[in-house]
């Protein structure tokens, strides 16, 4: 009888110890600080993917304004190794005025995603689009690799849903690229990147007001379709 009681106590003790060990292992797995979500999925850079934007712009020229409306299609066409040995994607940019018109190639840019940042080169200017890991409030100099002057890019929303009109995205990051307003100049730029898609929205405003005359431009790009070809 005593042996049976002792045997039962030992079994209960082993079961209790095992349950504690399992709880500790699961807790360590959940709270492992070495597992970091850098946010690479906001800039997938996947060959074969495309995004179609509706583009609305206004050109200010003193007392007269001119509006433009067209569509832009960005196709992630080909991956290659650049001059520093890093994988880079060539992005072909097509435009058309209406849905029924054929696409016309306008220009080509390149972009790449490394371990610490994502870069895009357009018009021979390299811009740091993102810095990793993505953290709300994080800032960096987007023009660190060009001669356009220091500009503090900033993550102002991370992992939030966005509605850009025709399309809605449940998980996106918003980047403020410029935000200057004074008596003479107004410079506002921001971009939105959706997880698994990439860039889905861009807004740029550059106005100069002198002698009551306003010059500059305002342009908005909003994704209306995306997919893989």
Protein backbone atom coordinates (compact mmCIF):
# COMPACT_ATOMS: atom_id res chain seq x y z
CA UNK A 1 0.00 0.00 0.00
CA UNK A 2 2.78 2.43 0.94
CA UNK A 3 4.67 1.61 -2.23
CA UNK A 4 1.58 2.33 -4.30
CA UNK A 5 1.11 5.70 -2.60
CA UNK A 6 4.76 6.64 -3.16
CA UNK A 7 4.53 5.56 -6.79
CA UNK A 8 1.44 7.75 -7.31
CA UNK A 9 3.16 10.76 -5.69
CA UNK A 10 6.17 10.34 -7.97
CA UNK A 11 3.94 10.14 -11.04
CA UNK A 12 2.03 13.28 -9.99
CA UNK A 13 5.28 15.12 -9.33
CA UNK A 14 6.73 14.18 -12.73
CA UNK A 15 3.53 15.27 -14.47
CA UNK A 16 3.60 18.61 -12.65
CA UNK A 17 7.27 19.19 -13.51
CA UNK A 18 6.65 18.28 -17.15
CA UNK A 19 3.73 20.71 -17.38
CA UNK A 20 5.93 23.50 -15.96
CA UNK A 21 8.65 22.75 -18.50
CA UNK A 22 6.16 22.86 -21.36
CA UNK A 23 4.75 26.21 -20.20
CA UNK A 24 8.25 27.66 -19.98
CA UNK A 25 9.16 26.41 -23.47
CA UNK A 26 5.98 27.83 -25.02
CA UNK A 27 6.48 31.17 -23.25
CA UNK A 28 10.07 31.38 -24.42
CA UNK A 29 8.98 30.67 -27.98
CA UNK A 30 6.34 33.40 -27.93
CA UNK A 31 8.60 36.00 -26.33
CA UNK A 32 11.82 35.15 -28.17
CA UNK A 33 13.38 38.58 -28.76
CA UNK A 34 15.52 37.22 -31.59
CA UNK A 35 12.42 36.76 -33.79
CA UNK A 36 11.89 40.20 -35.36
CA UNK A 37 9.39 41.11 -38.07
CA UNK A 38 11.45 43.49 -40.18
CA UNK A 39 8.50 44.35 -42.42
CA UNK A 40 9.95 43.04 -45.67
CA UNK A 41 6.47 42.05 -46.91
CA UNK A 42 5.55 45.73 -47.37
CA UNK A 43 8.15 45.86 -50.15
CA UNK A 44 7.85 42.39 -51.77
CA UNK A 45 9.71 43.33 -54.98
CA UNK A 46 8.37 40.22 -56.71
CA UNK A 47 9.06 39.68 -60.41
CA UNK A 48 5.84 39.34 -62.41
CA UNK A 49 3.78 41.52 -60.09
CA UNK A 50 2.12 44.72 -61.26
CA UNK A 51 0.13 47.65 -59.84
CA UNK A 52 -2.13 49.97 -61.83
CA UNK A 53 -2.60 53.52 -60.50
CA UNK A 54 -5.16 56.18 -61.26
CA UNK A 55 -3.21 59.44 -61.45
CA UNK A 56 -4.70 62.90 -60.88
CA UNK A 57 -2.51 65.98 -61.06
CA UNK A 58 -2.75 69.75 -61.14
CA UNK A 59 -0.10 72.08 -62.55
CA UNK A 60 -0.20 75.58 -61.07
CA UNK A 61 1.10 78.39 -63.24
CA UNK A 62 0.23 81.74 -61.75
CA UNK A 63 -3.41 82.50 -62.41
CA UNK A 64 -4.09 79.38 -64.52
CA UNK A 65 -4.23 75.74 -63.49
CA UNK A 66 -4.06 72.65 -65.70
CA UNK A 67 -5.37 69.24 -64.68
CA UNK A 68 -4.17 65.87 -65.94
CA UNK A 69 -5.74 62.44 -65.49
CA UNK A 70 -4.23 59.17 -66.70
CA UNK A 71 -3.33 55.64 -65.63
CA UNK A 72 0.09 54.31 -64.69
CA UNK A 73 1.07 50.64 -64.67
CA UNK A 74 4.21 49.54 -62.88
CA UNK A 75 5.44 46.07 -63.85
CA UNK A 76 8.16 44.29 -61.87
CA UNK A 77 9.74 42.92 -65.02
CA UNK A 78 13.10 41.31 -64.31
CA UNK A 79 15.57 40.58 -61.55
CA UNK A 80 19.32 40.92 -62.07
CA UNK A 81 22.47 41.41 -60.01
CA UNK A 82 23.62 45.05 -59.86
CA UNK A 83 27.14 46.46 -59.86
CA UNK A 84 27.62 45.79 -56.16
CA UNK A 85 26.41 42.21 -56.39
CA UNK A 86 22.91 42.68 -54.96
CA UNK A 87 19.63 41.39 -56.48
CA UNK A 88 17.76 44.25 -58.13
CA UNK A 89 14.42 44.45 -59.94
CA UNK A 90 13.78 46.45 -63.10
CA UNK A 91 10.40 48.20 -62.94
CA UNK A 92 8.79 49.17 -66.24
CA UNK A 93 6.36 52.11 -66.08
CA UNK A 94 3.58 52.32 -68.67
CA UNK A 95 0.95 55.03 -69.16
CA UNK A 96 -2.38 55.42 -70.95
CA UNK A 97 -5.22 57.95 -70.89
CA UNK A 98 -8.17 55.56 -70.91
CA UNK A 99 -8.93 51.93 -70.14
CA UNK A 100 -9.42 51.13 -73.83
CA UNK A 101 -6.04 52.47 -74.94
CA UNK A 102 -2.86 50.38 -75.21
CA UNK A 103 -0.10 50.85 -72.65
CA UNK A 104 2.90 52.95 -73.70
CA UNK A 105 6.26 52.53 -71.99
CA UNK A 106 7.22 55.86 -70.40
CA UNK A 107 10.32 55.06 -68.35
CA UNK A 108 12.18 52.43 -66.38
CA UNK A 109 13.37 52.51 -62.79
CA UNK A 110 15.09 49.97 -60.58
CA UNK A 111 14.63 49.04 -56.95
CA UNK A 112 16.05 46.59 -54.46
CA UNK A 113 15.50 45.40 -50.93
CA UNK A 114 18.41 44.61 -48.68
CA UNK A 115 18.66 43.55 -45.07
CA UNK A 116 18.58 47.09 -43.69
CA UNK A 117 16.67 49.14 -46.26
CA UNK A 118 14.74 49.30 -49.54
CA UNK A 119 15.94 51.59 -52.33
CA UNK A 120 14.51 52.93 -55.56
CA UNK A 121 16.41 54.64 -58.38
CA UNK A 122 14.45 56.93 -60.69
CA UNK A 123 15.83 59.71 -62.91
CA UNK A 124 19.32 58.72 -61.71
CA UNK A 125 18.45 59.55 -58.11
CA UNK A 126 18.66 56.81 -55.47
CA UNK A 127 16.16 57.17 -52.62
CA UNK A 128 15.94 55.06 -49.45
CA UNK A 129 12.23 54.21 -49.44
CA UNK A 130 12.25 52.13 -46.25
CA UNK A 131 14.57 51.39 -43.38
CA UNK A 132 14.35 48.11 -41.47
CA UNK A 133 13.03 47.00 -39.09
CA UNK A 134 9.86 49.03 -39.62
CA UNK A 135 8.78 50.81 -36.46
CA UNK A 136 6.15 53.51 -36.05
CA UNK A 137 7.89 56.83 -35.47
CA UNK A 138 11.15 55.61 -37.00
CA UNK A 139 13.04 58.18 -39.12
CA UNK A 140 15.90 58.13 -41.61
CA UNK A 141 17.45 60.32 -44.31
CA UNK A 142 15.75 59.28 -47.53
CA UNK A 143 18.31 61.18 -49.60
CA UNK A 144 21.40 59.70 -47.97
CA UNK A 145 22.54 58.25 -51.33
CA UNK A 146 21.93 61.32 -53.51
CA UNK A 147 22.73 65.04 -53.56
CA UNK A 148 19.18 66.38 -53.12
CA UNK A 149 19.71 67.38 -49.49
CA UNK A 150 18.74 65.73 -46.22
CA UNK A 151 15.07 64.83 -45.90
CA UNK A 152 13.71 63.03 -42.84
CA UNK A 153 11.44 60.18 -43.89
CA UNK A 154 9.20 58.90 -41.10
CA UNK A 155 6.89 55.95 -40.45
CA UNK A 156 3.68 57.61 -39.26
CA UNK A 157 1.40 54.53 -39.38
CA UNK A 158 2.40 50.87 -39.26
CA UNK A 159 0.17 47.82 -39.63
CA UNK A 160 -3.01 49.87 -40.02
CA UNK A 161 -5.90 49.43 -42.51
CA UNK A 162 -6.15 52.04 -45.28
CA UNK A 163 -8.87 53.05 -47.73
CA UNK A 164 -7.52 54.76 -50.86
CA UNK A 165 -10.78 54.89 -52.77
CA UNK A 166 -11.32 51.93 -55.05
CA UNK A 167 -9.03 49.66 -53.05
CA UNK A 168 -8.86 48.90 -49.33
CA UNK A 169 -5.95 47.18 -47.56
CA UNK A 170 -6.09 45.64 -44.11
CA UNK A 171 -2.38 46.04 -43.29
CA UNK A 172 -0.30 48.93 -44.57
CA UNK A 173 2.49 51.30 -43.61
CA UNK A 174 2.40 55.05 -44.29
CA UNK A 175 5.64 56.96 -44.85
CA UNK A 176 5.87 60.72 -44.55
CA UNK A 177 8.59 61.88 -46.93
CA UNK A 178 8.24 65.64 -46.60
CA UNK A 179 6.04 68.00 -44.61
CA UNK A 180 7.01 71.67 -44.88
CA UNK A 181 4.58 74.58 -44.93
CA UNK A 182 5.50 78.26 -44.60
CA UNK A 183 4.50 81.62 -46.10
CA UNK A 184 6.26 80.86 -49.40
CA UNK A 185 6.62 77.10 -49.84
CA UNK A 186 4.50 74.05 -49.30
CA UNK A 187 6.11 70.62 -49.68
CA UNK A 188 4.11 67.54 -48.73
CA UNK A 189 4.92 63.96 -49.71
CA UNK A 190 3.70 60.63 -48.40
CA UNK A 191 3.51 57.07 -49.66
CA UNK A 192 1.58 53.99 -48.55
CA UNK A 193 2.77 50.39 -48.88
CA UNK A 194 0.41 47.43 -48.39
CA UNK A 195 1.66 44.11 -47.03
CA UNK A 196 2.13 41.59 -49.83
CA UNK A 197 1.53 44.21 -52.55
CA UNK A 198 4.00 47.07 -52.19
CA UNK A 199 3.40 50.69 -53.09
CA UNK A 200 -0.33 51.45 -53.46
CA UNK A 201 -0.51 55.21 -52.92
CA UNK A 202 1.64 58.30 -53.49
CA UNK A 203 0.92 61.97 -52.92
CA UNK A 204 3.27 64.84 -53.73
CA UNK A 205 2.62 68.57 -53.44
CA UNK A 206 5.15 71.29 -54.34
CA UNK A 207 3.85 74.85 -54.30
CA UNK A 208 5.57 78.22 -54.26
CA UNK A 209 3.62 81.40 -53.56
CA UNK A 210 5.19 84.76 -54.31
CA UNK A 211 3.46 88.06 -55.16
CA UNK A 212 0.09 86.27 -54.78
CA UNK A 213 1.00 83.93 -57.68
CA UNK A 214 1.13 80.20 -57.07
CA UNK A 215 3.34 77.89 -59.10
CA UNK A 216 4.12 74.20 -58.74
CA UNK A 217 2.19 70.96 -58.89
CA UNK A 218 0.08 68.48 -56.96
CA UNK A 219 -0.16 64.78 -57.95
CA UNK A 220 -1.89 61.76 -56.44
CA UNK A 221 -1.38 58.10 -57.37
CA UNK A 222 -3.99 55.61 -56.07
CA UNK A 223 -3.90 51.89 -56.86
CA UNK A 224 -7.00 50.63 -58.68
CA UNK A 225 -5.77 47.11 -59.52
CA UNK A 226 -2.87 44.79 -58.79
CA UNK A 227 -1.86 41.20 -59.44
CA UNK A 228 0.64 38.95 -61.20
CA UNK A 229 1.20 38.53 -64.92
